[in-house]
Amino acid sequence: MIKEREHGGGQDPKMSITDILSAEDIAAALQECQDPDTFEPQKFFQTSGLSKMSASQVKDIFRFIDNDQSGYLDGDELKYFLQKFQSDARELTESETKSLMDAADNDGDGKIGADEFQEMVHS
């Protein structure tokens, strides 16, 4: 219970990303960046509807992306960022992964925390 409270109420294990974002918006966002080196974070956040979500909803999405539930996203997790939205989506290229990290890693520690992710989505 304590762990759930730390994370703002916990997350229902049966919950999916489409409980927060519409499947149609996700599909449209993935369509825009289906080719390698066409992923633009802000455009993706706009099209998927993520940028219109509340800070707590964005942090719920962050928890979906945080595979190991460490509280941080590292380069390996970012590589599979799109696949968290749709399992058959492509991996991000090395340059896209680096751009995404650079866009959000405000403190330069090589990983993205939930607050940094939320700031990037809403910037």
PDB file of N, CA and C in Angstrom:
ATOM      1  N   MET A   1       0.811  -1.209   0.000  1.00  0.00           N
ATOM      2  CA  MET A   1       0.000   0.000   0.000  1.00  0.00           C
ATOM      3  C   MET A   1       0.851   1.269   0.000  1.00  0.00           C
ATOM      4  N   ILE A   2       1.917   1.273   0.760  1.00  0.00           N
ATOM      5  CA  ILE A   2       2.756   2.468   0.821  1.00  0.00           C
ATOM      6  C   ILE A   2       3.287   2.805  -0.576  1.00  0.00           C
ATOM      7  N   LYS A   3       3.738   1.785  -1.297  1.00  0.00           N
ATOM      8  CA  LYS A   3       4.281   2.005  -2.637  1.00  0.00           C
ATOM      9  C   LYS A   3       3.218   2.647  -3.542  1.00  0.00           C
ATOM     10  N   GLU A   4       1.977   2.179  -3.457  1.00  0.00           N
ATOM     11  CA  GLU A   4       0.917   2.756  -4.282  1.00  0.00           C
ATOM     12  C   GLU A   4       0.723   4.232  -3.968  1.00  0.00           C
ATOM     13  N   ARG A   5       0.741   4.563  -2.692  1.00  0.00           N
ATOM     14  CA  ARG A   5       0.523   5.946  -2.300  1.00  0.00           C
ATOM     15  C   ARG A   5       1.637   6.843  -2.842  1.00  0.00           C
ATOM     16  N   GLU A   6       2.883   6.351  -2.821  1.00  0.00           N
ATOM     17  CA  GLU A   6       4.013   7.121  -3.343  1.00  0.00           C
ATOM     18  C   GLU A   6       3.800   7.501  -4.807  1.00  0.00           C
ATOM     19  N   HIS A   7       3.160   6.619  -5.545  1.00  0.00           N
ATOM     20  CA  HIS A   7       2.991   6.843  -6.985  1.00  0.00           C
ATOM     21  C   HIS A   7       1.636   7.463  -7.319  1.00  0.00           C
ATOM     22  N   GLY A   8       1.034   8.117  -6.372  1.00  0.00           N
ATOM     23  CA  GLY A   8      -0.203   8.830  -6.664  1.00  0.00           C
ATOM     24  C   GLY A   8      -1.388   7.920  -6.857  1.00  0.00           C
ATOM     25  N   GLY A   9      -1.505   6.864  -6.056  1.00  0.00           N
ATOM     26  CA  GLY A   9      -2.686   6.023  -6.120  1.00  0.00           C
ATOM     27  C   GLY A   9      -2.476   4.696  -6.793  1.00  0.00           C
ATOM     28  N   GLY A  10      -1.286   4.469  -7.331  1.00  0.00           N
ATOM     29  CA  GLY A  10      -1.027   3.179  -7.949  1.00  0.00           C
ATOM     30  C   GLY A  10      -1.678   3.064  -9.309  1.00  0.00           C
ATOM     31  N   GLN A  11      -1.470   1.938  -9.934  1.00  0.00           N
ATOM     32  CA  GLN A  11      -1.983   1.720 -11.288  1.00  0.00           C
ATOM     33  C   GLN A  11      -2.648   0.357 -11.338  1.00  0.00           C
ATOM     34  N   ASP A  12      -3.835   0.306 -11.859  1.00  0.00           N
ATOM     35  CA  ASP A  12      -4.550  -0.953 -12.011  1.00  0.00           C
ATOM     36  C   ASP A  12      -3.809  -1.790 -13.052  1.00  0.00           C
ATOM     37  N   PRO A  13      -3.381  -3.009 -12.695  1.00  0.00           N
ATOM     38  CA  PRO A  13      -2.622  -3.811 -13.652  1.00  0.00           C
ATOM     39  C   PRO A  13      -3.397  -4.142 -14.928  1.00  0.00           C
ATOM     40  N   LYS A  14      -4.727  -4.082 -14.876  1.00  0.00           N
ATOM     41  CA  LYS A  14      -5.529  -4.375 -16.070  1.00  0.00           C
ATOM     42  C   LYS A  14      -5.708  -3.138 -16.950  1.00  0.00           C
ATOM     43  N   MET A  15      -5.283  -1.995 -16.452  1.00  0.00           N
ATOM     44  CA  MET A  15      -5.430  -0.752 -17.182  1.00  0.00           C
ATOM     45  C   MET A  15      -4.497  -0.759 -18.396  1.00  0.00           C
ATOM     46  N   SER A  16      -4.939  -0.164 -19.474  1.00  0.00           N
ATOM     47  CA  SER A  16      -4.069  -0.067 -20.651  1.00  0.00           C
ATOM     48  C   SER A  16      -3.934   1.391 -21.059  1.00  0.00           C
ATOM     49  N   ILE A  17      -2.989   1.633 -21.935  1.00  0.00           N
ATOM     50  CA  ILE A  17      -2.706   3.000 -22.365  1.00  0.00           C
ATOM     51  C   ILE A  17      -3.935   3.618 -23.047  1.00  0.00           C
ATOM     52  N   THR A  18      -4.770   2.771 -23.667  1.00  0.00           N
ATOM     53  CA  THR A  18      -5.961   3.284 -24.345  1.00  0.00           C
ATOM     54  C   THR A  18      -7.086   3.620 -23.363  1.00  0.00           C
ATOM     55  N   ASP A  19      -6.866   3.383 -22.064  1.00  0.00           N
ATOM     56  CA  ASP A  19      -7.803   3.894 -21.059  1.00  0.00           C
ATOM     57  C   ASP A  19      -7.586   5.390 -20.857  1.00  0.00           C
ATOM     58  N   ILE A  20      -6.426   5.885 -21.280  1.00  0.00           N
ATOM     59  CA  ILE A  20      -6.087   7.299 -21.116  1.00  0.00           C
ATOM     60  C   ILE A  20      -6.119   8.022 -22.463  1.00  0.00           C
ATOM     61  N   LEU A  21      -5.526   7.406 -23.473  1.00  0.00           N
ATOM     62  CA  LEU A  21      -5.469   7.999 -24.808  1.00  0.00           C
ATOM     63  C   LEU A  21      -6.331   7.189 -25.761  1.00  0.00           C
ATOM     64  N   SER A  22      -6.894   7.836 -26.775  1.00  0.00           N
ATOM     65  CA  SER A  22      -7.730   7.083 -27.722  1.00  0.00           C
ATOM     66  C   SER A  22      -6.857   6.293 -28.688  1.00  0.00           C
ATOM     67  N   ALA A  23      -7.312   5.092 -29.019  1.00  0.00           N
ATOM     68  CA  ALA A  23      -6.580   4.226 -29.958  1.00  0.00           C
ATOM     69  C   ALA A  23      -6.418   4.921 -31.305  1.00  0.00           C
ATOM     70  N   GLU A  24      -7.430   5.692 -31.725  1.00  0.00           N
ATOM     71  CA  GLU A  24      -7.359   6.402 -33.014  1.00  0.00           C
ATOM     72  C   GLU A  24      -6.265   7.461 -32.991  1.00  0.00           C
ATOM     73  N   ASP A  25      -6.164   8.205 -31.884  1.00  0.00           N
ATOM     74  CA  ASP A  25      -5.128   9.240 -31.777  1.00  0.00           C
ATOM     75  C   ASP A  25      -3.738   8.614 -31.748  1.00  0.00           C
ATOM     76  N   ILE A  26      -3.606   7.503 -31.036  1.00  0.00           N
ATOM     77  CA  ILE A  26      -2.320   6.802 -30.990  1.00  0.00           C
ATOM     78  C   ILE A  26      -1.937   6.331 -32.388  1.00  0.00           C
ATOM     79  N   ALA A  27      -2.888   5.730 -33.106  1.00  0.00           N
ATOM     80  CA  ALA A  27      -2.623   5.243 -34.462  1.00  0.00           C
ATOM     81  C   ALA A  27      -2.194   6.383 -35.382  1.00  0.00           C
ATOM     82  N   ALA A  28      -2.859   7.525 -35.264  1.00  0.00           N
ATOM     83  CA  ALA A  28      -2.506   8.684 -36.091  1.00  0.00           C
ATOM     84  C   ALA A  28      -1.100   9.178 -35.764  1.00  0.00           C
ATOM     85  N   ALA A  29      -0.768   9.221 -34.480  1.00  0.00           N
ATOM     86  CA  ALA A  29       0.567   9.678 -34.067  1.00  0.00           C
ATOM     87  C   ALA A  29       1.642   8.725 -34.569  1.00  0.00           C
ATOM     88  N   LEU A  30       1.377   7.425 -34.500  1.00  0.00           N
ATOM     89  CA  LEU A  30       2.349   6.439 -34.980  1.00  0.00           C
ATOM     90  C   LEU A  30       2.490   6.488 -36.502  1.00  0.00           C
ATOM     91  N   GLN A  31       1.402   6.777 -37.180  1.00  0.00           N
ATOM     92  CA  GLN A  31       1.431   6.898 -38.639  1.00  0.00           C
ATOM     93  C   GLN A  31       2.372   8.022 -39.062  1.00  0.00           C
ATOM     94  N   GLU A  32       2.362   9.116 -38.324  1.00  0.00           N
ATOM     95  CA  GLU A  32       3.196  10.280 -38.655  1.00  0.00           C
ATOM     96  C   GLU A  32       4.692   9.979 -38.538  1.00  0.00           C
ATOM     97  N   CYS A  33       5.038   8.992 -37.728  1.00  0.00           N
ATOM     98  CA  CYS A  33       6.458   8.723 -37.509  1.00  0.00           C
ATOM     99  C   CYS A  33       6.823   7.272 -37.808  1.00  0.00           C
ATOM    100  N   GLN A  34       6.128   6.679 -38.771  1.00  0.00           N
ATOM    101  CA  GLN A  34       6.372   5.261 -39.062  1.00  0.00           C
ATOM    102  C   GLN A  34       7.719   5.012 -39.736  1.00  0.00           C
ATOM    103  N   ASP A  35       8.266   6.012 -40.404  1.00  0.00           N
ATOM    104  CA  ASP A  35       9.561   5.841 -41.060  1.00  0.00           C
ATOM    105  C   ASP A  35      10.690   6.212 -40.102  1.00  0.00           C
ATOM    106  N   PRO A  36      11.818   5.509 -40.175  1.00  0.00           N
ATOM    107  CA  PRO A  36      12.955   5.829 -39.307  1.00  0.00           C
ATOM    108  C   PRO A  36      13.344   7.305 -39.410  1.00  0.00           C
ATOM    109  N   ASP A  37      13.709   7.856 -38.284  1.00  0.00           N
ATOM    110  CA  ASP A  37      14.167   9.248 -38.160  1.00  0.00           C
ATOM    111  C   ASP A  37      13.094  10.281 -38.506  1.00  0.00           C
ATOM    112  N   THR A  38      11.819   9.925 -38.319  1.00  0.00           N
ATOM    113  CA  THR A  38      10.733  10.888 -38.502  1.00  0.00           C
ATOM    114  C   THR A  38      10.004  11.178 -37.187  1.00  0.00           C
ATOM    115  N   PHE A  39      10.469  10.585 -36.080  1.00  0.00           N
ATOM    116  CA  PHE A  39       9.825  10.799 -34.776  1.00  0.00           C
ATOM    117  C   PHE A  39      10.196  12.168 -34.233  1.00  0.00           C
ATOM    118  N   GLU A  40       9.169  12.978 -33.980  1.00  0.00           N
ATOM    119  CA  GLU A  40       9.341  14.292 -33.360  1.00  0.00           C
ATOM    120  C   GLU A  40       8.502  14.283 -32.091  1.00  0.00           C
ATOM    121  N   PRO A  41       9.154  14.309 -30.916  1.00  0.00           N
ATOM    122  CA  PRO A  41       8.397  14.163 -29.662  1.00  0.00           C
ATOM    123  C   PRO A  41       7.195  15.090 -29.532  1.00  0.00           C
ATOM    124  N   GLN A  42       7.376  16.382 -29.773  1.00  0.00           N
ATOM    125  CA  GLN A  42       6.258  17.316 -29.562  1.00  0.00           C
ATOM    126  C   GLN A  42       5.095  17.032 -30.508  1.00  0.00           C
ATOM    127  N   LYS A  43       5.404  16.692 -31.743  1.00  0.00           N
ATOM    128  CA  LYS A  43       4.355  16.355 -32.707  1.00  0.00           C
ATOM    129  C   LYS A  43       3.622  15.091 -32.253  1.00  0.00           C
ATOM    130  N   PHE A  44       4.379  14.103 -31.783  1.00  0.00           N
ATOM    131  CA  PHE A  44       3.783  12.858 -31.299  1.00  0.00           C
ATOM    132  C   PHE A  44       2.865  13.141 -30.100  1.00  0.00           C
ATOM    133  N   PHE A  45       3.327  13.961 -29.163  1.00  0.00           N
ATOM    134  CA  PHE A  45       2.526  14.270 -27.971  1.00  0.00           C
ATOM    135  C   PHE A  45       1.247  15.013 -28.352  1.00  0.00           C
ATOM    136  N   GLN A  46       1.338  15.891 -29.349  1.00  0.00           N
ATOM    137  CA  GLN A  46       0.160  16.627 -29.829  1.00  0.00           C
ATOM    138  C   GLN A  46      -0.851  15.676 -30.466  1.00  0.00           C
ATOM    139  N   THR A  47      -0.389  14.907 -31.454  1.00  0.00           N
ATOM    140  CA  THR A  47      -1.291  14.043 -32.223  1.00  0.00           C
ATOM    141  C   THR A  47      -1.908  12.947 -31.355  1.00  0.00           C
ATOM    142  N   SER A  48      -1.106  12.378 -30.444  1.00  0.00           N
ATOM    143  CA  SER A  48      -1.608  11.290 -29.596  1.00  0.00           C
ATOM    144  C   SER A  48      -2.578  11.794 -28.535  1.00  0.00           C
ATOM    145  N   GLY A  49      -2.579  13.112 -28.306  1.00  0.00           N
ATOM    146  CA  GLY A  49      -3.433  13.685 -27.272  1.00  0.00           C
ATOM    147  C   GLY A  49      -2.744  13.785 -25.927  1.00  0.00           C
ATOM    148  N   LEU A  50      -1.520  13.309 -25.844  1.00  0.00           N
ATOM    149  CA  LEU A  50      -0.792  13.317 -24.574  1.00  0.00           C
ATOM    150  C   LEU A  50      -0.589  14.731 -24.036  1.00  0.00           C
ATOM    151  N   SER A  51      -0.325  15.678 -24.926  1.00  0.00           N
ATOM    152  CA  SER A  51      -0.057  17.047 -24.474  1.00  0.00           C
ATOM    153  C   SER A  51      -1.304  17.714 -23.877  1.00  0.00           C
ATOM    154  N   LYS A  52      -2.500  17.153 -24.134  1.00  0.00           N
ATOM    155  CA  LYS A  52      -3.731  17.712 -23.574  1.00  0.00           C
ATOM    156  C   LYS A  52      -4.101  17.070 -22.231  1.00  0.00           C
ATOM    157  N   MET A  53      -3.353  16.052 -21.847  1.00  0.00           N
ATOM    158  CA  MET A  53      -3.655  15.326 -20.609  1.00  0.00           C
ATOM    159  C   MET A  53      -3.163  16.108 -19.391  1.00  0.00           C
ATOM    160  N   SER A  54      -3.742  15.795 -18.254  1.00  0.00           N
ATOM    161  CA  SER A  54      -3.305  16.421 -17.004  1.00  0.00           C
ATOM    162  C   SER A  54      -1.939  15.878 -16.611  1.00  0.00           C
ATOM    163  N   ALA A  55      -1.267  16.566 -15.689  1.00  0.00           N
ATOM    164  CA  ALA A  55       0.039  16.110 -15.216  1.00  0.00           C
ATOM    165  C   ALA A  55      -0.051  14.698 -14.653  1.00  0.00           C
ATOM    166  N   SER A  56      -1.102  14.389 -13.917  1.00  0.00           N
ATOM    167  CA  SER A  56      -1.205  13.046 -13.328  1.00  0.00           C
ATOM    168  C   SER A  56      -1.455  11.983 -14.399  1.00  0.00           C
ATOM    169  N   GLN A  57      -2.213  12.326 -15.449  1.00  0.00           N
ATOM    170  CA  GLN A  57      -2.422  11.369 -16.546  1.00  0.00           C
ATOM    171  C   GLN A  57      -1.113  11.118 -17.299  1.00  0.00           C
ATOM    172  N   VAL A  58      -0.326  12.167 -17.495  1.00  0.00           N
ATOM    173  CA  VAL A  58       0.967  12.017 -18.170  1.00  0.00           C
ATOM    174  C   VAL A  58       1.870  11.117 -17.327  1.00  0.00           C
ATOM    175  N   LYS A  59       1.798  11.275 -16.016  1.00  0.00           N
ATOM    176  CA  LYS A  59       2.620  10.416 -15.148  1.00  0.00           C
ATOM    177  C   LYS A  59       2.122   8.975 -15.169  1.00  0.00           C
ATOM    178  N   ASP A  60       0.818   8.763 -15.382  1.00  0.00           N
ATOM    179  CA  ASP A  60       0.307   7.400 -15.566  1.00  0.00           C
ATOM    180  C   ASP A  60       0.913   6.792 -16.832  1.00  0.00           C
ATOM    181  N   ILE A  61       0.967   7.582 -17.912  1.00  0.00           N
ATOM    182  CA  ILE A  61       1.573   7.114 -19.163  1.00  0.00           C
ATOM    183  C   ILE A  61       3.054   6.801 -18.924  1.00  0.00           C
ATOM    184  N   PHE A  62       3.728   7.669 -18.173  1.00  0.00           N
ATOM    185  CA  PHE A  62       5.135   7.443 -17.842  1.00  0.00           C
ATOM    186  C   PHE A  62       5.321   6.063 -17.208  1.00  0.00           C
ATOM    187  N   ARG A  63       4.424   5.699 -16.305  1.00  0.00           N
ATOM    188  CA  ARG A  63       4.538   4.404 -15.627  1.00  0.00           C
ATOM    189  C   ARG A  63       4.358   3.234 -16.604  1.00  0.00           C
ATOM    190  N   PHE A  64       3.569   3.431 -17.663  1.00  0.00           N
ATOM    191  CA  PHE A  64       3.450   2.388 -18.700  1.00  0.00           C
ATOM    192  C   PHE A  64       4.781   2.205 -19.426  1.00  0.00           C
ATOM    193  N   ILE A  65       5.488   3.299 -19.649  1.00  0.00           N
ATOM    194  CA  ILE A  65       6.723   3.273 -20.424  1.00  0.00           C
ATOM    195  C   ILE A  65       7.897   2.779 -19.578  1.00  0.00           C
ATOM    196  N   ASP A  66       7.825   3.006 -18.277  1.00  0.00           N
ATOM    197  CA  ASP A  66       8.897   2.631 -17.344  1.00  0.00           C
ATOM    198  C   ASP A  66       8.856   1.121 -17.089  1.00  0.00           C
ATOM    199  N   ASN A  67       9.465   0.346 -17.997  1.00  0.00           N
ATOM    200  CA  ASN A  67       9.421  -1.126 -17.952  1.00  0.00           C
ATOM    201  C   ASN A  67       9.778  -1.715 -16.601  1.00  0.00           C
ATOM    202  N   ASP A  68      10.886  -1.259 -16.034  1.00  0.00           N
ATOM    203  CA  ASP A  68      11.371  -1.864 -14.797  1.00  0.00           C
ATOM    204  C   ASP A  68      10.831  -1.171 -13.541  1.00  0.00           C
ATOM    205  N   GLN A  69       9.930  -0.202 -13.746  1.00  0.00           N
ATOM    206  CA  GLN A  69       9.313   0.527 -12.635  1.00  0.00           C
ATOM    207  C   GLN A  69      10.359   1.145 -11.699  1.00  0.00           C
ATOM    208  N   SER A  70      11.456   1.624 -12.305  1.00  0.00           N
ATOM    209  CA  SER A  70      12.545   2.233 -11.531  1.00  0.00           C
ATOM    210  C   SER A  70      12.244   3.689 -11.178  1.00  0.00           C
ATOM    211  N   GLY A  71      11.236   4.255 -11.841  1.00  0.00           N
ATOM    212  CA  GLY A  71      10.959   5.680 -11.643  1.00  0.00           C
ATOM    213  C   GLY A  71      11.704   6.550 -12.645  1.00  0.00           C
ATOM    214  N   TYR A  72      12.462   5.901 -13.531  1.00  0.00           N
ATOM    215  CA  TYR A  72      13.234   6.616 -14.548  1.00  0.00           C
ATOM    216  C   TYR A  72      13.152   5.874 -15.868  1.00  0.00           C
ATOM    217  N   LEU A  73      13.265   6.625 -16.953  1.00  0.00           N
ATOM    218  CA  LEU A  73      13.383   6.026 -18.283  1.00  0.00           C
ATOM    219  C   LEU A  73      14.836   6.148 -18.705  1.00  0.00           C
ATOM    220  N   ASP A  74      15.419   5.033 -19.121  1.00  0.00           N
ATOM    221  CA  ASP A  74      16.791   5.074 -19.629  1.00  0.00           C
ATOM    222  C   ASP A  74      16.754   4.890 -21.137  1.00  0.00           C
ATOM    223  N   GLY A  75      17.912   4.887 -21.758  1.00  0.00           N
ATOM    224  CA  GLY A  75      17.983   4.783 -23.215  1.00  0.00           C
ATOM    225  C   GLY A  75      17.325   3.532 -23.764  1.00  0.00           C
ATOM    226  N   ASP A  76      17.473   2.401 -23.054  1.00  0.00           N
ATOM    227  CA  ASP A  76      16.857   1.159 -23.529  1.00  0.00           C
ATOM    228  C   ASP A  76      15.341   1.268 -23.531  1.00  0.00           C
ATOM    229  N   GLU A  77      14.783   1.870 -22.497  1.00  0.00           N
ATOM    230  CA  GLU A  77      13.325   2.031 -22.441  1.00  0.00           C
ATOM    231  C   GLU A  77      12.848   3.011 -23.512  1.00  0.00           C
ATOM    232  N   LEU A  78      13.619   4.048 -23.765  1.00  0.00           N
ATOM    233  CA  LEU A  78      13.238   5.021 -24.790  1.00  0.00           C
ATOM    234  C   LEU A  78      13.265   4.411 -26.187  1.00  0.00           C
ATOM    235  N   LYS A  79      14.198   3.509 -26.426  1.00  0.00           N
ATOM    236  CA  LYS A  79      14.298   2.848 -27.734  1.00  0.00           C
ATOM    237  C   LYS A  79      12.961   2.196 -28.103  1.00  0.00           C
ATOM    238  N   TYR A  80      12.267   1.658 -27.106  1.00  0.00           N
ATOM    239  CA  TYR A  80      10.996   0.951 -27.338  1.00  0.00           C
ATOM    240  C   TYR A  80       9.776   1.826 -27.012  1.00  0.00           C
ATOM    241  N   PHE A  81      10.006   3.134 -26.954  1.00  0.00           N
ATOM    242  CA  PHE A  81       8.959   4.101 -26.591  1.00  0.00           C
ATOM    243  C   PHE A  81       7.676   3.904 -27.401  1.00  0.00           C
ATOM    244  N   LEU A  82       7.789   3.843 -28.726  1.00  0.00           N
ATOM    245  CA  LEU A  82       6.597   3.740 -29.584  1.00  0.00           C
ATOM    246  C   LEU A  82       5.859   2.427 -29.362  1.00  0.00           C
ATOM    247  N   GLN A  83       6.595   1.369 -29.038  1.00  0.00           N
ATOM    248  CA  GLN A  83       5.973   0.063 -28.832  1.00  0.00           C
ATOM    249  C   GLN A  83       5.117   0.025 -27.569  1.00  0.00           C
ATOM    250  N   LYS A  84       5.326   0.966 -26.687  1.00  0.00           N
ATOM    251  CA  LYS A  84       4.475   1.055 -25.502  1.00  0.00           C
ATOM    252  C   LYS A  84       3.081   1.570 -25.864  1.00  0.00           C
ATOM    253  N   PHE A  85       2.995   2.266 -26.978  1.00  0.00           N
ATOM    254  CA  PHE A  85       1.715   2.794 -27.439  1.00  0.00           C
ATOM    255  C   PHE A  85       0.999   1.795 -28.342  1.00  0.00           C
ATOM    256  N   GLN A  86       1.776   1.019 -29.095  1.00  0.00           N
ATOM    257  CA  GLN A  86       1.225  -0.027 -29.961  1.00  0.00           C
ATOM    258  C   GLN A  86       2.324  -1.068 -30.155  1.00  0.00           C
ATOM    259  N   SER A  87       2.041  -2.304 -29.791  1.00  0.00           N
ATOM    260  CA  SER A  87       3.086  -3.330 -29.715  1.00  0.00           C
ATOM    261  C   SER A  87       3.825  -3.587 -31.027  1.00  0.00           C
ATOM    262  N   ASP A  88       3.168  -3.347 -32.169  1.00  0.00           N
ATOM    263  CA  ASP A  88       3.849  -3.612 -33.437  1.00  0.00           C
ATOM    264  C   ASP A  88       4.508  -2.365 -34.037  1.00  0.00           C
ATOM    265  N   ALA A  89       4.593  -1.294 -33.259  1.00  0.00           N
ATOM    266  CA  ALA A  89       5.264  -0.079 -33.728  1.00  0.00           C
ATOM    267  C   ALA A  89       6.773  -0.343 -33.819  1.00  0.00           C
ATOM    268  N   ARG A  90       7.466   0.506 -34.554  1.00  0.00           N
ATOM    269  CA  ARG A  90       8.901   0.322 -34.734  1.00  0.00           C
ATOM    270  C   ARG A  90       9.678   0.805 -33.496  1.00  0.00           C
ATOM    271  N   GLU A  91      10.949   0.409 -33.444  1.00  0.00           N
ATOM    272  CA  GLU A  91      11.843   0.937 -32.415  1.00  0.00           C
ATOM    273  C   GLU A  91      12.312   2.311 -32.865  1.00  0.00           C
ATOM    274  N   LEU A  92      12.659   3.155 -31.905  1.00  0.00           N
ATOM    275  CA  LEU A  92      13.266   4.440 -32.260  1.00  0.00           C
ATOM    276  C   LEU A  92      14.705   4.192 -32.709  1.00  0.00           C
ATOM    277  N   THR A  93      15.169   4.993 -33.637  1.00  0.00           N
ATOM    278  CA  THR A  93      16.567   4.891 -34.066  1.00  0.00           C
ATOM    279  C   THR A  93      17.456   5.447 -32.956  1.00  0.00           C
ATOM    280  N   GLU A  94      18.734   5.210 -33.080  1.00  0.00           N
ATOM    281  CA  GLU A  94      19.677   5.709 -32.078  1.00  0.00           C
ATOM    282  C   GLU A  94      19.598   7.235 -31.961  1.00  0.00           C
ATOM    283  N   SER A  95      19.510   7.920 -33.109  1.00  0.00           N
ATOM    284  CA  SER A  95      19.459   9.392 -33.065  1.00  0.00           C
ATOM    285  C   SER A  95      18.137   9.885 -32.477  1.00  0.00           C
ATOM    286  N   GLU A  96      17.031   9.189 -32.758  1.00  0.00           N
ATOM    287  CA  GLU A  96      15.734   9.574 -32.174  1.00  0.00           C
ATOM    288  C   GLU A  96      15.739   9.352 -30.665  1.00  0.00           C
ATOM    289  N   THR A  97      16.325   8.237 -30.239  1.00  0.00           N
ATOM    290  CA  THR A  97      16.415   7.941 -28.806  1.00  0.00           C
ATOM    291  C   THR A  97      17.226   9.028 -28.107  1.00  0.00           C
ATOM    292  N   LYS A  98      18.356   9.411 -28.713  1.00  0.00           N
ATOM    293  CA  LYS A  98      19.205  10.456 -28.127  1.00  0.00           C
ATOM    294  C   LYS A  98      18.464  11.803 -28.085  1.00  0.00           C
ATOM    295  N   SER A  99      17.749  12.136 -29.151  1.00  0.00           N
ATOM    296  CA  SER A  99      16.993  13.396 -29.184  1.00  0.00           C
ATOM    297  C   SER A  99      15.926  13.430 -28.099  1.00  0.00           C
ATOM    298  N   LEU A 100      15.235  12.304 -27.924  1.00  0.00           N
ATOM    299  CA  LEU A 100      14.194  12.222 -26.892  1.00  0.00           C
ATOM    300  C   LEU A 100      14.821  12.385 -25.512  1.00  0.00           C
ATOM    301  N   MET A 101      15.945  11.720 -25.277  1.00  0.00           N
ATOM    302  CA  MET A 101      16.650  11.850 -23.993  1.00  0.00           C
ATOM    303  C   MET A 101      17.083  13.299 -23.781  1.00  0.00           C
ATOM    304  N   ASP A 102      17.700  13.880 -24.799  1.00  0.00           N
ATOM    305  CA  ASP A 102      18.190  15.262 -24.684  1.00  0.00           C
ATOM    306  C   ASP A 102      17.052  16.244 -24.427  1.00  0.00           C
ATOM    307  N   ALA A 103      15.878  15.980 -25.012  1.00  0.00           N
ATOM    308  CA  ALA A 103      14.736  16.887 -24.856  1.00  0.00           C
ATOM    309  C   ALA A 103      14.192  16.887 -23.431  1.00  0.00           C
ATOM    310  N   ALA A 104      14.375  15.790 -22.713  1.00  0.00           N
ATOM    311  CA  ALA A 104      13.736  15.670 -21.400  1.00  0.00           C
ATOM    312  C   ALA A 104      14.703  15.623 -20.230  1.00  0.00           C
ATOM    313  N   ASP A 105      15.925  15.211 -20.452  1.00  0.00           N
ATOM    314  CA  ASP A 105      16.872  15.004 -19.350  1.00  0.00           C
ATOM    315  C   ASP A 105      17.447  16.338 -18.888  1.00  0.00           C
ATOM    316  N   ASN A 106      16.652  17.062 -18.111  1.00  0.00           N
ATOM    317  CA  ASN A 106      17.031  18.410 -17.678  1.00  0.00           C
ATOM    318  C   ASN A 106      18.247  18.450 -16.767  1.00  0.00           C
ATOM    319  N   ASP A 107      18.435  17.417 -15.947  1.00  0.00           N
ATOM    320  CA  ASP A 107      19.557  17.443 -15.008  1.00  0.00           C
ATOM    321  C   ASP A 107      20.796  16.707 -15.526  1.00  0.00           C
ATOM    322  N   GLY A 108      20.724  16.163 -16.760  1.00  0.00           N
ATOM    323  CA  GLY A 108      21.883  15.558 -17.385  1.00  0.00           C
ATOM    324  C   GLY A 108      22.370  14.261 -16.753  1.00  0.00           C
ATOM    325  N   ASP A 109      21.481  13.541 -16.066  1.00  0.00           N
ATOM    326  CA  ASP A 109      21.906  12.305 -15.396  1.00  0.00           C
ATOM    327  C   ASP A 109      21.767  11.064 -16.291  1.00  0.00           C
ATOM    328  N   GLY A 110      21.359  11.253 -17.556  1.00  0.00           N
ATOM    329  CA  GLY A 110      21.266  10.128 -18.476  1.00  0.00           C
ATOM    330  C   GLY A 110      20.002   9.314 -18.341  1.00  0.00           C
ATOM    331  N   LYS A 111      19.035   9.845 -17.622  1.00  0.00           N
ATOM    332  CA  LYS A 111      17.732   9.181 -17.500  1.00  0.00           C
ATOM    333  C   LYS A 111      16.662  10.247 -17.306  1.00  0.00           C
ATOM    334  N   ILE A 112      15.413   9.847 -17.564  1.00  0.00           N
ATOM    335  CA  ILE A 112      14.288  10.788 -17.496  1.00  0.00           C
ATOM    336  C   ILE A 112      13.372  10.365 -16.356  1.00  0.00           C
ATOM    337  N   GLY A 113      13.180  11.273 -15.404  1.00  0.00           N
ATOM    338  CA  GLY A 113      12.239  11.029 -14.311  1.00  0.00           C
ATOM    339  C   GLY A 113      10.831  11.418 -14.733  1.00  0.00           C
ATOM    340  N   ALA A 114       9.857  11.054 -13.911  1.00  0.00           N
ATOM    341  CA  ALA A 114       8.453  11.346 -14.231  1.00  0.00           C
ATOM    342  C   ALA A 114       8.218  12.844 -14.383  1.00  0.00           C
ATOM    343  N   ASP A 115       8.830  13.654 -13.521  1.00  0.00           N
ATOM    344  CA  ASP A 115       8.641  15.104 -13.621  1.00  0.00           C
ATOM    345  C   ASP A 115       9.255  15.649 -14.904  1.00  0.00           C
ATOM    346  N   GLU A 116      10.434  15.148 -15.269  1.00  0.00           N
ATOM    347  CA  GLU A 116      11.080  15.596 -16.509  1.00  0.00           C
ATOM    348  C   GLU A 116      10.227  15.204 -17.719  1.00  0.00           C
ATOM    349  N   PHE A 117       9.655  13.995 -17.680  1.00  0.00           N
ATOM    350  CA  PHE A 117       8.808  13.535 -18.782  1.00  0.00           C
ATOM    351  C   PHE A 117       7.581  14.433 -18.905  1.00  0.00           C
ATOM    352  N   GLN A 118       6.953  14.709 -17.782  1.00  0.00           N
ATOM    353  CA  GLN A 118       5.745  15.543 -17.789  1.00  0.00           C
ATOM    354  C   GLN A 118       6.071  16.957 -18.298  1.00  0.00           C
ATOM    355  N   GLU A 119       7.210  17.508 -17.890  1.00  0.00           N
ATOM    356  CA  GLU A 119       7.613  18.833 -18.371  1.00  0.00           C
ATOM    357  C   GLU A 119       7.833  18.824 -19.883  1.00  0.00           C
ATOM    358  N   MET A 120       8.455  17.753 -20.408  1.00  0.00           N
ATOM    359  CA  MET A 120       8.702  17.670 -21.841  1.00  0.00           C
ATOM    360  C   MET A 120       7.365  17.604 -22.607  1.00  0.00           C
ATOM    361  N   VAL A 121       6.444  16.792 -22.120  1.00  0.00           N
ATOM    362  CA  VAL A 121       5.144  16.642 -22.793  1.00  0.00           C
ATOM    363  C   VAL A 121       4.406  17.962 -22.834  1.00  0.00           C
ATOM    364  N   HIS A 122       4.478  18.736 -21.781  1.00  0.00           N
ATOM    365  CA  HIS A 122       3.715  19.973 -21.689  1.00  0.00           C
ATOM    366  C   HIS A 122       4.509  21.210 -22.115  1.00  0.00           C
ATOM    367  N   SER A 123       5.715  21.035 -22.662  1.00  0.00           N
ATOM    368  CA  SER A 123       6.489  22.226 -23.052  1.00  0.00           C
ATOM    369  C   SER A 123       6.102  22.709 -24.442  1.00  0.00           C
TER     370      SER A 123
END
